[in-house]
PDB file of N, CA and C in Angstrom:
ATOM      1  N   MET A   1      95.936  95.437  97.890  1.00  0.00           N
ATOM      2  CA  MET A   1      95.951  95.926  96.488  1.00  0.00           C
ATOM      3  C   MET A   1      94.520  96.479  96.808  1.00  0.00           C
ATOM      4  N   GLU A   2      93.585  96.182  97.709  1.00  0.00           N
ATOM      5  CA  GLU A   2      92.478  96.702  97.493  1.00  0.00           C
ATOM      6  C   GLU A   2      92.767  98.276  98.063  1.00  0.00           C
ATOM      7  N   TYR A   3      93.272  98.101  99.277  1.00  0.00           N
ATOM      8  CA  TYR A   3      93.485  99.390  99.785  1.00  0.00           C
ATOM      9  C   TYR A   3      94.127 100.329  99.560  1.00  0.00           C
ATOM     10  N   PHE A   4      95.283 100.052  98.895  1.00  0.00           N
ATOM     11  CA  PHE A   4      96.236 101.504  97.935  1.00  0.00           C
ATOM     12  C   PHE A   4      95.443 101.713  96.496  1.00  0.00           C
ATOM     13  N   LEU A   5      94.603 100.867  95.720  1.00  0.00           N
ATOM     14  CA  LEU A   5      93.728 101.258  94.777  1.00  0.00           C
ATOM     15  C   LEU A   5      92.871 101.844  95.275  1.00  0.00           C
ATOM     16  N   GLY A   6      92.330 101.664  96.551  1.00  0.00           N
ATOM     17  CA  GLY A   6      91.176 102.660  97.024  1.00  0.00           C
ATOM     18  C   GLY A   6      91.417 104.212  97.638  1.00  0.00           C
ATOM     19  N   HIS A   7      92.945 104.100  98.077  1.00  0.00           N
ATOM     20  CA  HIS A   7      93.280 105.483  98.485  1.00  0.00           C
ATOM     21  C   HIS A   7      94.674 106.007  97.689  1.00  0.00           C
ATOM     22  N   VAL A   8      94.168 106.204  96.312  1.00  0.00           N
ATOM     23  CA  VAL A   8      94.978 106.655  95.238  1.00  0.00           C
ATOM     24  C   VAL A   8      95.409 108.340  96.176  1.00  0.00           C
ATOM     25  N   GLN A   9      94.098 109.060  95.983  1.00  0.00           N
ATOM     26  CA  GLN A   9      94.927 110.259  96.616  1.00  0.00           C
ATOM     27  C   GLN A   9      95.337 110.475  98.021  1.00  0.00           C
ATOM     28  N   GLU A  10      95.137 109.708  98.976  1.00  0.00           N
ATOM     29  CA  GLU A  10      96.165 109.675 100.250  1.00  0.00           C
ATOM     30  C   GLU A  10      97.581 109.237  99.634  1.00  0.00           C
ATOM     31  N   LEU A  11      97.742 108.301  98.996  1.00  0.00           N
ATOM     32  CA  LEU A  11      98.880 107.998  98.753  1.00  0.00           C
ATOM     33  C   LEU A  11      99.828 109.108  97.925  1.00  0.00           C
ATOM     34  N   ILE A  12      99.304 109.627  97.257  1.00  0.00           N
ATOM     35  CA  ILE A  12      99.720 111.123  96.366  1.00  0.00           C
ATOM     36  C   ILE A  12     100.026 112.055  97.453  1.00  0.00           C
ATOM     37  N   ASP A  13      98.852 111.902  98.434  1.00  0.00           N
ATOM     38  CA  ASP A  13      99.872 113.542  99.378  1.00  0.00           C
ATOM     39  C   ASP A  13     100.676 112.808  99.925  1.00  0.00           C
ATOM     40  N   GLY A  14     100.741 111.912 100.435  1.00  0.00           N
ATOM     41  CA  GLY A  14     102.277 110.981 101.125  1.00  0.00           C
ATOM     42  C   GLY A  14     103.338 111.271 100.361  1.00  0.00           C
ATOM     43  N   GLY A  15     103.374 111.211  98.956  1.00  0.00           N
ATOM     44  CA  GLY A  15     104.867 111.397  98.239  1.00  0.00           C
ATOM     45  C   GLY A  15     104.629 110.051  97.430  1.00  0.00           C
ATOM     46  N   VAL A  16     103.682 109.489  97.730  1.00  0.00           N
ATOM     47  CA  VAL A  16     104.143 107.947  97.206  1.00  0.00           C
ATOM     48  C   VAL A  16     103.502 108.481  95.166  1.00  0.00           C
ATOM     49  N   ILE A  17     104.805 107.432  95.006  1.00  0.00           N
ATOM     50  CA  ILE A  17     104.374 107.888  93.318  1.00  0.00           C
ATOM     51  C   ILE A  17     104.723 106.869  92.140  1.00  0.00           C
ATOM     52  N   GLY A  18     104.387 105.584  92.959  1.00  0.00           N
ATOM     53  CA  GLY A  18     104.197 104.845  91.965  1.00  0.00           C
ATOM     54  C   GLY A  18     103.814 103.148  93.172  1.00  0.00           C
ATOM     55  N   LEU A  19     103.309 102.426  92.426  1.00  0.00           N
ATOM     56  CA  LEU A  19     102.856 100.678  93.716  1.00  0.00           C
ATOM     57  C   LEU A  19     103.725 100.053  92.569  1.00  0.00           C
ATOM     58  N   LEU A  20     104.277  98.929  93.618  1.00  0.00           N
ATOM     59  CA  LEU A  20     104.802  97.675  92.470  1.00  0.00           C
ATOM     60  C   LEU A  20     103.948  96.876  93.246  1.00  0.00           C
ATOM     61  N   PHE A  21     103.268  95.396  92.276  1.00  0.00           N
ATOM     62  CA  PHE A  21     102.591  94.193  92.543  1.00  0.00           C
ATOM     63  C   PHE A  21     103.153  93.592  92.239  1.00  0.00           C
ATOM     64  N   GLY A  22     103.526  92.164  93.522  1.00  0.00           N
ATOM     65  CA  GLY A  22     103.922  91.128  92.673  1.00  0.00           C
ATOM     66  C   GLY A  22     104.012  90.027  94.038  1.00  0.00           C
ATOM     67  N   ALA A  23     103.998  88.942  93.600  1.00  0.00           N
ATOM     68  CA  ALA A  23     104.051  88.213  94.652  1.00  0.00           C
ATOM     69  C   ALA A  23     105.495  88.227  95.185  1.00  0.00           C
ATOM     70  N   GLY A  24     105.374  88.513  96.926  1.00  0.00           N
ATOM     71  CA  GLY A  24     106.587  87.917  97.452  1.00  0.00           C
ATOM     72  C   GLY A  24     107.080  86.990  98.472  1.00  0.00           C
ATOM     73  N   ASN A  25     106.155  85.589  98.156  1.00  0.00           N
ATOM     74  CA  ASN A  25     106.497  84.452  98.430  1.00  0.00           C
ATOM     75  C   ASN A  25     105.636  83.356  97.715  1.00  0.00           C
ATOM     76  N   GLY A  26     105.957  82.337  97.905  1.00  0.00           N
ATOM     77  CA  GLY A  26     105.310  81.134  97.280  1.00  0.00           C
ATOM     78  C   GLY A  26     104.149  80.856  97.447  1.00  0.00           C
ATOM     79  N   GLY A  27     102.966  80.825  96.776  1.00  0.00           N
ATOM     80  CA  GLY A  27     101.654  80.704  97.417  1.00  0.00           C
ATOM     81  C   GLY A  27     100.619  82.059  97.414  1.00  0.00           C
ATOM     82  N   SER A  28     101.460  82.938  96.894  1.00  0.00           N
ATOM     83  CA  SER A  28     100.623  83.988  97.096  1.00  0.00           C
ATOM     84  C   SER A  28      99.874  84.558  95.837  1.00  0.00           C
ATOM     85  N   THR A  29      98.664  85.373  96.122  1.00  0.00           N
ATOM     86  CA  THR A  29      97.396  85.767  95.093  1.00  0.00           C
ATOM     87  C   THR A  29      98.320  86.245  94.121  1.00  0.00           C
ATOM     88  N   VAL A  30      98.203  86.304  92.882  1.00  0.00           N
ATOM     89  CA  VAL A  30      98.366  86.821  91.568  1.00  0.00           C
ATOM     90  C   VAL A  30      97.682  87.149  90.869  1.00  0.00           C
ATOM     91  N   GLN A  31      97.701  88.076  90.114  1.00  0.00           N
ATOM     92  CA  GLN A  31      97.137  88.815  88.886  1.00  0.00           C
ATOM     93  C   GLN A  31      97.046  88.075  87.623  1.00  0.00           C
ATOM     94  N   TRP A  32      97.033  86.697  87.543  1.00  0.00           N
ATOM     95  CA  TRP A  32      96.923  85.747  86.489  1.00  0.00           C
ATOM     96  C   TRP A  32      96.297  84.419  87.441  1.00  0.00           C
ATOM     97  N   ASP A  33      95.865  83.531  86.601  1.00  0.00           N
ATOM     98  CA  ASP A  33      95.593  82.249  87.137  1.00  0.00           C
ATOM     99  C   ASP A  33      97.055  81.256  87.933  1.00  0.00           C
ATOM    100  N   GLY A  34      97.511  81.612  88.364  1.00  0.00           N
ATOM    101  CA  GLY A  34      98.676  81.003  89.270  1.00  0.00           C
ATOM    102  C   GLY A  34      98.988  80.024  88.968  1.00  0.00           C
ATOM    103  N   LYS A  35      97.440  79.236  90.614  1.00  0.00           N
ATOM    104  CA  LYS A  35      97.505  78.273  90.791  1.00  0.00           C
ATOM    105  C   LYS A  35      97.071  76.981  89.555  1.00  0.00           C
ATOM    106  N   GLY A  36      96.884  78.214  88.208  1.00  0.00           N
ATOM    107  CA  GLY A  36      96.469  76.828  86.853  1.00  0.00           C
ATOM    108  C   GLY A  36      95.287  75.993  87.110  1.00  0.00           C
ATOM    109  N   ASP A  37      94.180  76.847  88.216  1.00  0.00           N
ATOM    110  CA  ASP A  37      93.057  76.105  88.309  1.00  0.00           C
ATOM    111  C   ASP A  37      92.169  76.170  87.923  1.00  0.00           C
ATOM    112  N   GLY A  38      91.875  77.037  86.977  1.00  0.00           N
ATOM    113  CA  GLY A  38      90.662  78.139  86.229  1.00  0.00           C
ATOM    114  C   GLY A  38      89.716  78.394  87.323  1.00  0.00           C
ATOM    115  N   VAL A  39      89.570  78.234  88.274  1.00  0.00           N
ATOM    116  CA  VAL A  39      89.261  78.901  89.361  1.00  0.00           C
ATOM    117  C   VAL A  39      88.939  80.176  89.447  1.00  0.00           C
ATOM    118  N   THR A  40      87.346  80.614  88.929  1.00  0.00           N
ATOM    119  CA  THR A  40      86.983  82.534  89.152  1.00  0.00           C
ATOM    120  C   THR A  40      85.961  82.994  90.420  1.00  0.00           C
ATOM    121  N   ASN A  41      85.192  81.736  90.929  1.00  0.00           N
ATOM    122  CA  ASN A  41      84.184  82.138  91.945  1.00  0.00           C
ATOM    123  C   ASN A  41      84.687  81.182  92.705  1.00  0.00           C
ATOM    124  N   PRO A  42      85.429  81.407  94.144  1.00  0.00           N
ATOM    125  CA  PRO A  42      85.575  80.535  95.252  1.00  0.00           C
ATOM    126  C   PRO A  42      84.443  80.971  96.039  1.00  0.00           C
ATOM    127  N   ALA A  43      84.223  80.384  96.746  1.00  0.00           N
ATOM    128  CA  ALA A  43      82.862  80.553  98.252  1.00  0.00           C
ATOM    129  C   ALA A  43      83.430  82.191  98.356  1.00  0.00           C
ATOM    130  N   SER A  44      81.874  82.741  98.541  1.00  0.00           N
ATOM    131  CA  SER A  44      82.066  84.011  99.383  1.00  0.00           C
ATOM    132  C   SER A  44      82.544  83.895 100.590  1.00  0.00           C
ATOM    133  N   PHE A  45      82.893  85.444 100.984  1.00  0.00           N
ATOM    134  CA  PHE A  45      83.434  85.489 102.433  1.00  0.00           C
ATOM    135  C   PHE A  45      83.409  86.951 102.922  1.00  0.00           C
ATOM    136  N   CYS A  46      83.618  87.573 104.019  1.00  0.00           N
ATOM    137  CA  CYS A  46      83.759  89.125 104.288  1.00  0.00           C
ATOM    138  C   CYS A  46      84.582  88.840 104.916  1.00  0.00           C
ATOM    139  N   SER A  47      85.314  90.107 105.678  1.00  0.00           N
ATOM    140  CA  SER A  47      86.668  90.650 106.407  1.00  0.00           C
ATOM    141  C   SER A  47      86.756  91.852 106.732  1.00  0.00           C
ATOM    142  N   THR A  48      87.310  92.224 107.553  1.00  0.00           N
ATOM    143  CA  THR A  48      87.460  93.196 107.518  1.00  0.00           C
ATOM    144  C   THR A  48      89.410  93.328 107.771  1.00  0.00           C
ATOM    145  N   ASP A  49      90.055  92.454 107.484  1.00  0.00           N
ATOM    146  CA  ASP A  49      91.459  92.636 107.407  1.00  0.00           C
ATOM    147  C   ASP A  49      91.831  93.427 106.241  1.00  0.00           C
ATOM    148  N   GLY A  50      92.747  94.098 106.760  1.00  0.00           N
ATOM    149  CA  GLY A  50      93.058  95.170 105.866  1.00  0.00           C
ATOM    150  C   GLY A  50      92.635  96.721 106.231  1.00  0.00           C
ATOM    151  N   MET A  51      91.033  96.796 106.670  1.00  0.00           N
ATOM    152  CA  MET A  51      90.551  97.691 106.479  1.00  0.00           C
ATOM    153  C   MET A  51      90.252  98.498 107.518  1.00  0.00           C
ATOM    154  N   SER A  52      90.185 100.207 107.500  1.00  0.00           N
ATOM    155  CA  SER A  52      89.916 101.020 108.747  1.00  0.00           C
ATOM    156  C   SER A  52      88.942 101.151 109.153  1.00  0.00           C
ATOM    157  N   SER A  53      87.925 100.797 108.469  1.00  0.00           N
ATOM    158  CA  SER A  53      86.733 100.721 108.680  1.00  0.00           C
ATOM    159  C   SER A  53      85.901  99.693 107.916  1.00  0.00           C
ATOM    160  N   GLY A  54      84.822  99.070 108.124  1.00  0.00           N
ATOM    161  CA  GLY A  54      83.719  98.245 107.529  1.00  0.00           C
ATOM    162  C   GLY A  54      84.249  96.920 107.587  1.00  0.00           C
ATOM    163  N   GLN A  55      83.994  96.643 106.469  1.00  0.00           N
ATOM    164  CA  GLN A  55      84.275  94.814 105.384  1.00  0.00           C
ATOM    165  C   GLN A  55      84.209  94.922 104.398  1.00  0.00           C
ATOM    166  N   VAL A  56      85.001  94.228 103.769  1.00  0.00           N
ATOM    167  CA  VAL A  56      84.984  93.661 102.207  1.00  0.00           C
ATOM    168  C   VAL A  56      84.707  92.248 102.156  1.00  0.00           C
ATOM    169  N   CYS A  57      84.114  92.413 101.047  1.00  0.00           N
ATOM    170  CA  CYS A  57      83.454  90.999 100.759  1.00  0.00           C
ATOM    171  C   CYS A  57      83.822  90.599  99.489  1.00  0.00           C
ATOM    172  N   ASN A  58      84.074  89.104  99.069  1.00  0.00           N
ATOM    173  CA  ASN A  58      84.048  88.652  97.759  1.00  0.00           C
ATOM    174  C   ASN A  58      82.906  88.481  97.165  1.00  0.00           C
ATOM    175  N   ASP A  59      81.817  89.154  97.043  1.00  0.00           N
ATOM    176  CA  ASP A  59      80.707  88.707  96.678  1.00  0.00           C
ATOM    177  C   ASP A  59      80.669  89.111  95.190  1.00  0.00           C
ATOM    178  N   HIS A  60      81.382  89.715  94.473  1.00  0.00           N
ATOM    179  CA  HIS A  60      80.827  89.790  92.744  1.00  0.00           C
ATOM    180  C   HIS A  60      81.731  89.109  92.096  1.00  0.00           C
ATOM    181  N   THR A  61      80.953  88.713  90.874  1.00  0.00           N
ATOM    182  CA  THR A  61      80.869  87.532  90.538  1.00  0.00           C
ATOM    183  C   THR A  61      82.264  88.019  89.146  1.00  0.00           C
ATOM    184  N   ALA A  62      83.569  87.058  89.187  1.00  0.00           N
ATOM    185  CA  ALA A  62      84.404  87.595  88.705  1.00  0.00           C
ATOM    186  C   ALA A  62      84.200  87.531  87.337  1.00  0.00           C
ATOM    187  N   GLN A  63      85.107  87.634  86.103  1.00  0.00           N
ATOM    188  CA  GLN A  63      85.073  87.147  84.930  1.00  0.00           C
ATOM    189  C   GLN A  63      86.422  86.968  84.270  1.00  0.00           C
ATOM    190  N   TYR A  64      87.378  86.609  85.047  1.00  0.00           N
ATOM    191  CA  TYR A  64      88.567  85.934  84.910  1.00  0.00           C
ATOM    192  C   TYR A  64      89.209  85.281  85.545  1.00  0.00           C
ATOM    193  N   THR A  65      89.637  83.969  85.546  1.00  0.00           N
ATOM    194  CA  THR A  65      90.140  83.097  85.888  1.00  0.00           C
ATOM    195  C   THR A  65      91.757  83.720  86.997  1.00  0.00           C
ATOM    196  N   ASP A  66      92.220  84.942  86.834  1.00  0.00           N
ATOM    197  CA  ASP A  66      93.158  84.890  87.708  1.00  0.00           C
ATOM    198  C   ASP A  66      92.821  85.025  88.996  1.00  0.00           C
ATOM    199  N   ASP A  67      93.962  84.569  89.668  1.00  0.00           N
ATOM    200  CA  ASP A  67      93.674  84.099  91.436  1.00  0.00           C
ATOM    201  C   ASP A  67      93.217  85.309  92.198  1.00  0.00           C
ATOM    202  N   ASP A  68      93.257  86.569  91.847  1.00  0.00           N
ATOM    203  CA  ASP A  68      92.831  87.809  92.391  1.00  0.00           C
ATOM    204  C   ASP A  68      91.035  88.034  91.836  1.00  0.00           C
ATOM    205  N   GLY A  69      90.783  86.805  90.770  1.00  0.00           N
ATOM    206  CA  GLY A  69      89.545  87.140  90.169  1.00  0.00           C
ATOM    207  C   GLY A  69      89.178  88.463  89.227  1.00  0.00           C
ATOM    208  N   GLY A  70      90.749  88.664  88.666  1.00  0.00           N
ATOM    209  CA  GLY A  70      90.583  90.304  88.061  1.00  0.00           C
ATOM    210  C   GLY A  70      90.840  91.288  88.527  1.00  0.00           C
ATOM    211  N   TYR A  71      90.777  91.341  89.693  1.00  0.00           N
ATOM    212  CA  TYR A  71      90.495  93.040  90.283  1.00  0.00           C
ATOM    213  C   TYR A  71      91.847  93.939  90.100  1.00  0.00           C
ATOM    214  N   LEU A  72      92.886  93.387  90.119  1.00  0.00           N
ATOM    215  CA  LEU A  72      93.938  94.022  89.724  1.00  0.00           C
ATOM    216  C   LEU A  72      93.926  94.670  88.168  1.00  0.00           C
ATOM    217  N   ARG A  73      93.572  93.633  87.528  1.00  0.00           N
ATOM    218  CA  ARG A  73      93.453  94.203  85.842  1.00  0.00           C
ATOM    219  C   ARG A  73      92.172  94.932  85.818  1.00  0.00           C
ATOM    220  N   GLU A  74      91.047  94.901  86.178  1.00  0.00           N
ATOM    221  CA  GLU A  74      89.716  95.892  86.383  1.00  0.00           C
ATOM    222  C   GLU A  74      90.409  97.380  86.858  1.00  0.00           C
ATOM    223  N   GLN A  75      90.886  97.120  88.221  1.00  0.00           N
ATOM    224  CA  GLN A  75      91.101  98.445  88.967  1.00  0.00           C
ATOM    225  C   GLN A  75      92.469  99.436  87.736  1.00  0.00           C
ATOM    226  N   ALA A  76      93.172  98.628  87.211  1.00  0.00           N
ATOM    227  CA  ALA A  76      94.373  99.212  86.718  1.00  0.00           C
ATOM    228  C   ALA A  76      93.550 100.357  85.503  1.00  0.00           C
ATOM    229  N   THR A  77      92.825  99.424  84.734  1.00  0.00           N
ATOM    230  CA  THR A  77      91.801  99.392  83.579  1.00  0.00           C
ATOM    231  C   THR A  77      91.326 100.559  84.100  1.00  0.00           C
ATOM    232  N   ALA A  78      90.876 100.892  84.925  1.00  0.00           N
ATOM    233  CA  ALA A  78      89.789 102.088  85.583  1.00  0.00           C
ATOM    234  C   ALA A  78      90.578 103.208  85.720  1.00  0.00           C
ATOM    235  N   TYR A  79      91.640 102.719  86.401  1.00  0.00           N
ATOM    236  CA  TYR A  79      92.822 103.964  86.665  1.00  0.00           C
ATOM    237  C   TYR A  79      92.846 104.466  85.422  1.00  0.00           C
ATOM    238  N   TYR A  80      93.876 103.976  84.138  1.00  0.00           N
ATOM    239  CA  TYR A  80      93.991 104.600  83.198  1.00  0.00           C
ATOM    240  C   TYR A  80      92.795 105.063  82.485  1.00  0.00           C
ATOM    241  N   ALA A  81      91.746 104.357  82.772  1.00  0.00           N
ATOM    242  CA  ALA A  81      91.253 105.402  81.826  1.00  0.00           C
ATOM    243  C   ALA A  81      91.112 107.114  82.389  1.00  0.00           C
ATOM    244  N   SER A  82      91.033 107.251  83.690  1.00  0.00           N
ATOM    245  CA  SER A  82      90.790 108.180  84.409  1.00  0.00           C
ATOM    246  C   SER A  82      91.561 108.340  85.288  1.00  0.00           C
ATOM    247  N   PRO A  83      93.436 108.721  85.343  1.00  0.00           N
ATOM    248  CA  PRO A  83      94.378 108.621  86.079  1.00  0.00           C
ATOM    249  C   PRO A  83      94.689 110.085  87.095  1.00  0.00           C
ATOM    250  N   VAL A  84      94.858 109.534  88.471  1.00  0.00           N
ATOM    251  CA  VAL A  84      94.634 110.955  89.061  1.00  0.00           C
ATOM    252  C   VAL A  84      95.867 111.690  88.715  1.00  0.00           C
ATOM    253  N   GLN A  85      96.118 113.088  88.814  1.00  0.00           N
ATOM    254  CA  GLN A  85      97.063 113.638  88.169  1.00  0.00           C
ATOM    255  C   GLN A  85      98.280 114.097  89.384  1.00  0.00           C
ATOM    256  N   LEU A  86      99.054 114.392  89.546  1.00  0.00           N
ATOM    257  CA  LEU A  86     100.142 114.107  90.664  1.00  0.00           C
ATOM    258  C   LEU A  86     100.098 115.435  90.613  1.00  0.00           C
TER     259      LEU A  86
END
């Protein structure tokens, strides 16, 4: 999800006109508190998985108990405030 939302113009240039997000299997991260554990800020770590260069870290403070820390909610809100023209 982070890659797609960080490369919207590349997707448009490649002919993509929409993205759908949802769990593909049990135990996947979802955009709500799917685990029902109320955990918002797990231990921080950095990874290069899925990155073409550099790394991504989960070191920001989440405002939501969503399993993804509210990332999809925040990024969708930001996108709709200033959408990219097709």
